[in-house]
Amino acid sequence: MKRALTILLALVLMMAMAVPAMAAGQGSITIDNAVVGKTYTIYRIFDLNSHNSNYSAINYTVNAKWADFFKTGAKGLDYVNIDEMGYVTWKGSESDAPAFAEAAIAFAKANSIVNDGSTTATSSKVEFTGLELGYYLVQSDLGALCSLDTTMPNVTIKEKNAQ
């Protein structure tokens, strides 16, 4: 009886420690307050590897197109750590996001990184749908960062730039 109870407790503990993880899927990015006639471009910098049901635990890995931005000595490693399993974590604070975005935009241009979507606004709302889940850089041709965010699975961001 004592042995059966010990085995049962061990099983219960193992089940309690397991956090269900879901594989990545598809999502969307909606830009509100878009400037008509301006182009919005998105780049998926990190792939969402797995997440729990409410997206409070997320594992990102570097998107293959961005591998050189995160190699030893490259600018991307000023902002993130990449562990031995390839998972990405931020080094600094949210205040580092604009500098990270500027460096990423410069890298994308200098290295002809293919974007993951680009469209010219015909109204005050721009939508990118059917996106692989991940961490995206959203840029407008107003010359400024619009957002650096993740699809979880759907996100709406507000354009703050004016023409």
Foldseek 3Di string as FASTA:
>chain_A
DVVVVVVVVVVVVVVVPDADKDAWFWAKEKEAQDDAQKKKFKAFQWAFGIAGPQRPDTWTAGDPLCVVCPPPPHPLVVFWDADPVRTIDGDDDPVCVQVNLVSVVVCCVVVVRDTPDMDGDNDRMDMDTRHTWGWMFMDIPVPGTQDTGTPPPYYYGYGPDDD
